[in-house]
Every structure is written in C-alpha cells, then in structure tokens.
Amino acid sequence: MNRPVTVVIRSTLNGLVERVRSSVEAEGLSDKVTVVEEVGPDCSTDAEILLGGPPQFGPILDNNYTNAKWFQSTYAGVDKMQAVKRRDFILTRAKGVFGQLMAEYTLGYILNIERYISHSANCQRQHRWEETAHYRTCRSLSTLTLGIIGYGSIGEVVGKSAKGLNMKVIGLTRRHRDDPDTTTSLSYLLANSDYILNLLPETSNTIGYLTHDILQQSCKKKPVFINCGRGTVISESDILQSLDEGVLSHAVLDVFPVEPLPESSPLWSHPSVTLTPHIAALTTVDDVTQLFITNLQRYLKGEELECVVDRDAGY
C-alpha cells in the first residue's frame, strides 16, 4: 500500500487547516492524504504538496520542502513568489473565486460616487437637509463607461456585472479578441472611460505601466481611477499629480507600492482619494478549500491541475 501524500499548510486564514482536513475526510481521501500544519522554522522533509500564502512559503522554499511537487497558493497574485528560484514544482493560484467580490467593490464605489452616498451620510451627521439641486448632477450608470485594464477572469466578471447595470465596458487585453467590449489599445480605453479599473498583476511588464504623462495624454473625461490590481502599476506621485492637475477626478485605491501604506503618505489626507486596506476581494476559507480539494483530486489521479501559473509570465 502506498504511503499517504503529505500536505503542509502554512496560512494566516483562520480555520483553513480544519476545513481542509474535514473536506479530505468527506471526500474519502483520508487514506491517501495526511494534512499537517506548520507555523515555525521546522519544515517537513517529506511534504509533497504545499498549501498556503506566498508570504509564508516564498522566503523558505529555495532551501526547504525539497520534495515538494505542487504548491497551491491561496493568493490570486503570485508576485511574492518572484524571488523563488526553484522551478521543480507546479505553482497554482487562487483563480475564479474573486470576480464577484471585485465586482461588488468596484460597483459599490462607483455608486457611492455617482449617487453621493458618502455625502448624504455626512449631511445626516450634520443634521443638514441638502437641497435637491445638488443631487440633480447625479449621473445614471447607463451613461457611463467602465474601462478595465486587465480583462482576465476577474475583469470579465466585473464587466458582466457592470453591463448588468447598463454601463458600457471596455476591457483591455494583450491580444485581439472577437469581442466588441475589448481593445488592445490603452489610449483608446483611457480616452473613452469615465471609470478606469486596474486589475493587472505585478510583473516586470506592469510595474510603472501607467504614468501621469500617459494619463494626461489620453484621458479625455476626467475619469475616476480605481486600483484593485497591484500598487506598483503607477507611482504615488503620478496619482497625486494627475489628481491635482485635474487629469483624474478621484482615485479609489485598495493597493499600494508599500503596504501597509505609510502614515506619512499624502494619499491619506488628499480630498480626492478614497483608501481601503487591500480588502477589495479577500480570500475565504471555503473558496480556497473547494479549489484545493478539486485540484487535489486531479493530482491524485495524475491529471493536469487547474489554475497553473506561468512563472515567466507572472500569472
């Protein structure tokens, strides 16, 4: 009888270990899989499968877990794995679980801005009845265009949700698609969008992808910039300059080049900036477990895994 495969979990997701163990048992895999949690410096030498966050595994993978054949990341992005030199294991990422959450975040802030929701809340706190004329400047979403930079699996879900509210959508893709909602031209997207959503991962090609000069040259509608991809796509100074010069009308930022955002950052107090602490689409235990168990069953059968990362491309 073959020895059970060892799965090592290192993660900050509360309850993940228990949920995976119960799912392994429920799927009748207990005789094939042993689930181990590790939190300290000691690393199992016989671990074949790794499950957890890149911050927990990335710094130690080059010198530990030398028998590992597969690492299932709980993150959608894999930029924190770029420093890992090893290429002798399969890397899979969390994919297909963040689209709905990202759509809710994006459309929530669009509605907040267009319907003056935060403004109304401030008026209530001040016991002030705002004149109706102020609200007559509200724009219907049916008159607005959402440009999505990075029109992959998450972007497509966001786009579908936006179209459900009758927004026009322009999705930026690397290659031409037979889809009227997509373009390969960044300048076209910037020129025609009322809202610009960045969903690009961090790769060598996307760091500094947007600049003040690019926005100034192409943006025609003083759009709102929403960043839920990675903070390195544009510098803090370029965001501030674009806001101060009226190239952008507002910025909703969930990601930053340095996290946590330093207290000294001028973004905190800028009147045209809304900040959230990288929470647009948080990983859930149930989603990760379902994704992992599906891939685990494929692994045990010798089938190709889902959501495999192209390490050279960075996603």
Protein backbone atom coordinates (compact mmCIF):
# COMPACT_ATOMS: atom_id res chain seq x y z
CA MET A 1 0.00 0.00 0.00
CA ASN A 2 1.33 3.43 -0.94
CA ARG A 3 2.18 5.86 1.85
CA PRO A 4 -0.24 8.81 2.16
CA VAL A 5 0.79 12.05 0.47
CA THR A 6 1.74 14.77 2.98
CA VAL A 7 0.11 18.17 2.60
CA VAL A 8 1.71 21.00 4.60
CA ILE A 9 -0.35 24.11 5.29
CA ARG A 10 1.12 27.48 6.23
CA SER A 11 -1.51 30.17 6.17
CA THR A 12 -2.99 33.08 8.08
CA LEU A 13 -6.52 32.02 7.10
CA ASN A 14 -8.23 31.04 10.33
CA GLY A 15 -9.85 27.64 10.14
CA LEU A 16 -8.20 26.57 6.88
CA VAL A 17 -6.45 23.53 8.35
CA GLU A 18 -9.61 22.22 9.98
CA ARG A 19 -11.67 22.86 6.86
CA VAL A 20 -9.20 21.06 4.61
CA ARG A 21 -8.97 18.10 6.97
CA SER A 22 -12.74 17.74 7.17
CA SER A 23 -13.02 18.01 3.38
CA VAL A 24 -10.32 15.39 2.86
CA GLU A 25 -12.28 13.07 5.15
CA ALA A 26 -15.61 13.88 3.50
CA GLU A 27 -14.18 13.08 0.06
CA GLY A 28 -12.85 9.72 1.29
CA LEU A 29 -9.22 10.71 0.87
CA SER A 30 -8.02 10.15 4.45
CA ASP A 31 -6.08 7.02 3.50
CA LYS A 32 -4.34 8.87 0.69
CA VAL A 33 -3.60 12.27 2.25
CA THR A 34 -2.12 13.46 5.54
CA VAL A 35 -2.67 17.13 6.36
CA VAL A 36 -0.06 18.85 8.55
CA GLU A 37 0.02 22.44 9.81
CA GLU A 38 3.41 24.11 10.25
CA VAL A 39 4.00 27.56 11.69
CA GLY A 40 7.58 27.58 12.94
CA PRO A 41 11.03 27.17 11.39
CA ASP A 42 10.83 23.36 11.17
CA CYS A 43 9.82 22.06 7.75
CA SER A 44 8.63 18.58 6.83
CA THR A 45 11.18 16.86 4.63
CA ASP A 46 8.61 14.54 3.02
CA ALA A 47 5.97 17.14 2.14
CA GLU A 48 4.80 16.62 -1.42
CA ILE A 49 2.04 19.24 -1.51
CA LEU A 50 2.08 22.75 -0.05
CA LEU A 51 -0.95 24.94 0.60
CA GLY A 52 -0.84 28.50 1.87
CA GLY A 53 0.21 32.07 1.29
CA PRO A 54 3.29 33.16 -0.68
CA PRO A 55 4.48 35.28 2.30
CA GLN A 56 4.58 32.14 4.42
CA PHE A 57 6.21 29.82 1.88
CA GLY A 58 8.11 32.08 -0.52
CA PRO A 59 11.04 33.04 1.74
CA ILE A 60 11.80 29.42 2.69
CA LEU A 61 11.07 27.43 -0.46
CA ASP A 62 14.52 27.61 -2.01
CA ASN A 63 16.09 25.79 0.94
CA ASN A 64 13.20 23.71 2.31
CA TYR A 65 10.47 21.34 1.18
CA THR A 66 12.83 19.93 -1.41
CA ASN A 67 10.45 17.04 -2.16
CA ALA A 68 7.51 19.34 -2.89
CA LYS A 69 5.92 18.76 -6.29
CA TRP A 70 3.00 21.19 -6.07
CA PHE A 71 2.31 24.46 -4.25
CA GLN A 72 -1.30 25.70 -4.17
CA SER A 73 -1.25 29.39 -3.34
CA THR A 74 -4.17 30.98 -1.53
CA TYR A 75 -3.46 34.24 -3.40
CA ALA A 76 -4.62 35.32 -6.85
CA GLY A 77 -1.39 37.22 -7.44
CA VAL A 78 1.97 35.47 -7.40
CA ASP A 79 4.29 38.49 -7.35
CA LYS A 80 5.54 37.49 -3.91
CA MET A 81 6.86 34.27 -5.48
CA GLN A 82 9.09 36.06 -7.98
CA ALA A 83 12.15 35.78 -5.75
CA VAL A 84 11.86 31.97 -5.53
CA LYS A 85 14.49 30.47 -7.80
CA ARG A 86 13.24 26.88 -7.79
CA ARG A 87 11.29 25.66 -10.79
CA ASP A 88 10.92 22.00 -9.82
CA PHE A 89 7.34 22.24 -8.56
CA ILE A 90 3.99 23.19 -10.04
CA LEU A 91 2.60 26.50 -8.81
CA THR A 92 -1.17 27.02 -8.88
CA ARG A 93 -3.02 30.11 -7.73
CA ALA A 94 -6.45 31.02 -6.44
CA LYS A 95 -8.46 31.76 -9.56
CA GLY A 96 -12.14 32.05 -10.27
CA VAL A 97 -13.06 32.99 -6.69
CA PHE A 98 -12.51 36.75 -6.63
CA GLY A 99 -14.59 38.07 -9.51
CA GLN A 100 -17.86 38.53 -7.66
CA LEU A 101 -16.18 40.27 -4.72
CA MET A 102 -14.20 42.55 -7.01
CA ALA A 103 -17.36 43.43 -8.91
CA GLU A 104 -19.16 44.33 -5.69
CA TYR A 105 -16.27 46.51 -4.55
CA THR A 106 -15.96 48.30 -7.88
CA LEU A 107 -19.64 48.95 -8.44
CA GLY A 108 -20.11 49.85 -4.78
CA TYR A 109 -17.64 52.70 -5.06
CA ILE A 110 -18.95 53.79 -8.44
CA LEU A 111 -22.45 54.05 -6.96
CA ASN A 112 -21.08 55.77 -3.88
CA ILE A 113 -19.53 58.48 -6.04
CA GLU A 114 -22.34 58.86 -8.56
CA ARG A 115 -25.20 58.86 -6.03
CA TYR A 116 -23.37 60.94 -3.38
CA ILE A 117 -23.81 58.25 -0.74
CA SER A 118 -20.91 59.38 1.45
CA HIS A 119 -22.02 63.00 1.01
CA SER A 120 -25.53 62.12 2.19
CA ALA A 121 -24.11 60.36 5.23
CA ASN A 122 -22.10 63.48 6.10
CA CYS A 123 -25.21 65.64 5.76
CA GLN A 124 -27.06 63.34 8.12
CA ARG A 125 -24.32 63.60 10.72
CA GLN A 126 -24.59 67.40 10.44
CA HIS A 127 -28.41 67.35 10.64
CA ARG A 128 -28.40 69.15 7.28
CA TRP A 129 -31.06 68.77 4.59
CA GLU A 130 -29.22 69.10 1.28
CA GLU A 131 -31.07 70.92 -1.48
CA THR A 132 -32.38 68.69 -4.28
CA ALA A 133 -30.47 70.67 -6.88
CA HIS A 134 -27.21 69.16 -5.64
CA TYR A 135 -28.41 65.66 -6.44
CA ARG A 136 -29.60 66.55 -9.92
CA THR A 137 -25.99 66.27 -11.02
CA CYS A 138 -26.07 62.51 -10.38
CA ARG A 139 -25.22 60.52 -13.48
CA SER A 140 -27.02 57.32 -14.38
CA LEU A 141 -24.68 54.36 -14.78
CA SER A 142 -26.29 53.78 -18.17
CA THR A 143 -24.48 56.89 -19.42
CA LEU A 144 -21.04 55.84 -18.14
CA THR A 145 -18.20 53.68 -19.41
CA LEU A 146 -16.02 51.44 -17.25
CA GLY A 147 -12.58 50.71 -18.67
CA ILE A 148 -10.96 47.58 -17.22
CA ILE A 149 -7.19 47.26 -17.55
CA GLY A 150 -6.51 43.55 -17.28
CA TYR A 151 -9.57 41.83 -18.74
CA GLY A 152 -8.92 38.32 -17.48
CA SER A 153 -11.20 36.04 -15.48
CA ILE A 154 -11.77 38.62 -12.73
CA GLY A 155 -12.17 41.51 -15.15
CA GLU A 156 -14.75 39.61 -17.17
CA VAL A 157 -16.91 39.07 -14.08
CA VAL A 158 -16.63 42.76 -13.17
CA GLY A 159 -17.51 43.69 -16.75
CA LYS A 160 -20.54 41.41 -16.81
CA SER A 161 -21.80 42.92 -13.54
CA ALA A 162 -21.27 46.47 -14.84
CA LYS A 163 -23.15 45.66 -18.03
CA GLY A 164 -25.94 44.30 -15.85
CA LEU A 165 -26.37 47.90 -14.65
CA ASN A 166 -26.25 49.10 -18.25
CA MET A 167 -22.74 50.52 -18.11
CA LYS A 168 -20.65 50.32 -21.25
CA VAL A 169 -17.48 48.26 -20.73
CA ILE A 170 -14.10 48.43 -22.44
CA GLY A 171 -11.71 45.62 -21.47
CA LEU A 172 -8.00 45.90 -22.24
CA THR A 173 -6.44 42.64 -23.47
CA ARG A 174 -2.95 41.75 -24.61
CA ARG A 175 -4.19 40.04 -27.78
CA HIS A 176 -7.10 40.76 -30.09
CA ARG A 177 -10.38 39.05 -29.21
CA ASP A 178 -13.55 38.74 -31.24
CA ASP A 179 -15.37 40.64 -28.53
CA PRO A 180 -16.72 44.16 -29.14
CA ASP A 181 -16.18 45.01 -25.46
CA THR A 182 -12.39 44.58 -25.71
CA THR A 183 -9.47 46.53 -27.13
CA THR A 184 -5.71 46.19 -27.27
CA SER A 185 -5.29 49.98 -27.19
CA LEU A 186 -4.63 51.54 -23.79
CA SER A 187 -5.03 55.04 -25.20
CA TYR A 188 -8.49 54.17 -26.57
CA LEU A 189 -9.59 52.83 -23.19
CA LEU A 190 -8.28 55.86 -21.32
CA ALA A 191 -9.87 58.33 -23.73
CA ASN A 192 -13.33 56.76 -23.55
CA SER A 193 -13.67 55.73 -19.90
CA ASP A 194 -15.47 57.53 -17.08
CA TYR A 195 -14.04 54.99 -14.64
CA ILE A 196 -10.74 53.17 -15.04
CA LEU A 197 -10.28 49.94 -13.08
CA ASN A 198 -6.81 48.42 -12.87
CA LEU A 199 -6.67 44.66 -12.31
CA LEU A 200 -3.19 43.95 -13.66
CA PRO A 201 -0.93 41.62 -11.68
CA GLU A 202 2.57 42.71 -10.76
CA THR A 203 5.09 41.61 -13.35
CA SER A 204 8.19 43.16 -14.87
CA ASN A 205 5.94 44.48 -17.66
CA THR A 206 3.30 46.09 -15.45
CA ILE A 207 5.43 47.99 -12.93
CA GLY A 208 5.00 51.65 -13.87
CA TYR A 209 2.62 50.72 -16.68
CA LEU A 210 0.62 53.88 -16.01
CA THR A 211 2.19 57.32 -15.55
CA HIS A 212 0.96 60.88 -15.24
CA ASP A 213 2.15 61.60 -18.76
CA ILE A 214 0.22 58.65 -20.21
CA LEU A 215 -2.94 59.65 -18.34
CA GLN A 216 -2.57 63.31 -19.31
CA GLN A 217 -2.11 62.47 -22.98
CA SER A 218 -5.03 60.05 -23.23
CA CYS A 219 -7.70 60.76 -20.59
CA LYS A 220 -10.46 62.96 -22.02
CA LYS A 221 -13.25 62.60 -19.45
CA LYS A 222 -11.50 63.29 -16.11
CA PRO A 223 -12.14 59.70 -15.04
CA VAL A 224 -12.11 58.12 -11.62
CA PHE A 225 -9.19 55.71 -11.18
CA ILE A 226 -9.87 52.54 -9.19
CA ASN A 227 -6.87 50.34 -8.39
CA CYS A 228 -7.52 46.79 -7.21
CA GLY A 229 -4.66 45.12 -9.07
CA ARG A 230 -1.24 45.99 -7.71
CA GLY A 231 0.01 49.32 -6.37
CA THR A 232 3.17 49.26 -8.47
CA VAL A 233 1.22 49.88 -11.70
CA ILE A 234 1.52 53.63 -11.03
CA SER A 235 3.55 55.68 -8.59
CA GLU A 236 2.02 57.62 -5.73
CA SER A 237 3.45 60.85 -7.09
CA ASP A 238 1.87 60.27 -10.51
CA ILE A 239 -1.53 59.66 -8.93
CA LEU A 240 -1.27 62.84 -6.88
CA GLN A 241 -0.11 64.91 -9.85
CA SER A 242 -2.93 63.58 -12.01
CA LEU A 243 -5.47 64.46 -9.32
CA ASP A 244 -4.04 67.91 -8.62
CA GLU A 245 -3.95 68.80 -12.30
CA GLY A 246 -7.48 67.55 -12.95
CA VAL A 247 -6.48 64.68 -15.21
CA LEU A 248 -8.26 62.35 -12.77
CA SER A 249 -11.28 63.45 -10.77
CA HIS A 250 -10.90 60.92 -7.97
CA ALA A 251 -8.91 57.83 -7.01
CA VAL A 252 -10.20 54.77 -5.16
CA LEU A 253 -7.13 52.85 -4.04
CA ASP A 254 -7.08 49.39 -2.47
CA VAL A 255 -3.45 48.54 -3.26
CA PHE A 256 -0.18 50.45 -2.84
CA PRO A 257 3.52 50.09 -3.70
CA VAL A 258 4.26 49.74 0.01
CA GLU A 259 1.77 48.03 2.32
CA PRO A 260 0.70 48.96 4.90
CA LEU A 261 0.56 52.46 3.47
CA PRO A 262 3.00 54.62 5.50
CA GLU A 263 1.38 57.15 7.81
CA SER A 264 3.43 59.87 6.11
CA SER A 265 1.80 59.27 2.71
CA PRO A 266 -0.11 62.33 1.42
CA LEU A 267 -2.71 59.95 0.00
CA TRP A 268 -4.27 59.64 3.46
CA SER A 269 -5.45 63.24 3.57
CA HIS A 270 -5.98 64.07 -0.10
CA PRO A 271 -9.60 65.20 -0.60
CA SER A 272 -9.93 63.30 -3.89
CA VAL A 273 -8.64 59.96 -2.64
CA THR A 274 -10.56 57.08 -1.08
CA LEU A 275 -8.42 54.39 0.57
CA THR A 276 -9.10 50.83 1.65
CA PRO A 277 -6.51 48.41 3.14
CA HIS A 278 -6.24 45.78 0.36
CA ILE A 279 -9.62 44.26 1.11
CA ALA A 280 -11.43 44.51 -2.24
CA ALA A 281 -11.59 40.73 -2.63
CA LEU A 282 -10.44 38.77 0.39
CA THR A 283 -9.72 35.06 0.23
CA THR A 284 -12.27 32.91 2.06
CA VAL A 285 -11.61 29.56 3.67
CA ASP A 286 -14.48 27.91 1.79
CA ASP A 287 -13.31 29.14 -1.62
CA VAL A 288 -9.69 28.08 -1.05
CA THR A 289 -10.73 24.69 0.30
CA GLN A 290 -13.03 23.96 -2.62
CA LEU A 291 -10.36 24.98 -5.13
CA PHE A 292 -7.69 22.94 -3.34
CA ILE A 293 -9.78 19.79 -2.98
CA THR A 294 -10.70 19.91 -6.66
CA ASN A 295 -7.04 20.18 -7.62
CA LEU A 296 -6.03 17.57 -5.02
CA GLN A 297 -8.34 15.03 -6.59
CA ARG A 298 -6.87 15.79 -10.00
CA TYR A 299 -3.33 15.50 -8.59
CA LEU A 300 -4.01 12.10 -7.04
CA LYS A 301 -5.39 10.87 -10.37
CA GLY A 302 -2.38 12.18 -12.26
CA GLU A 303 -4.49 14.72 -14.14
CA GLU A 304 -3.47 18.22 -15.17
CA LEU A 305 -4.04 20.78 -12.42
CA GLU A 306 -6.24 23.84 -12.79
CA CYS A 307 -5.02 27.43 -12.39
CA VAL A 308 -1.37 26.63 -13.14
CA VAL A 309 0.87 29.70 -13.10
CA ASP A 310 3.20 30.57 -15.95
CA ARG A 311 6.19 31.59 -13.85
CA ASP A 312 7.78 33.51 -16.71
CA ALA A 313 4.62 35.49 -17.49
CA GLY A 314 3.91 36.09 -13.80
CA TYR A 315 0.30 34.88 -13.73
